């Protein structure tokens, strides 16, 4: 029986760097508002990533999942996932792997506040348009 990603060995630091294009593709998908795809793109890499980067990837995935909830009009689920994502991402601020984590925390927190303050009156379209965007420089381009 072939090994699946759920029981595959964790990546070494060098192997992780070699696969960072997967992370950047997931960030681009998020920025293009393909939240479900962003989550799916990063999940297999997350499963084989060692700590502490594994927690960072989980925060990225949770933020993408939050916006899947926003797109479905599931405000409460979105708020919980934004909170969980921001809590994970905070430990990686200000930058991680060329990504401006501090900027994302700020914009995600503002987006969360807008969702919460409008008590559900923020339309799905408004929430998606106001969604945060990842800012980054690929490690190889630094």
Foldseek 3Di string as FASTA:
>chain_A
DDDDLQPDAADDPVVLLVPCVLLVVLLVCVQVVVLVVSLVSLVSNLNRHDPPVNLLSVLSNLQSVLLVCLLVLNLVSNLVSLVSSLVSLVVQPCDDQFKRSVQQSVLSVVLSCVSVVVVSPQHSVNSSVSHDHIDGDHPVRD
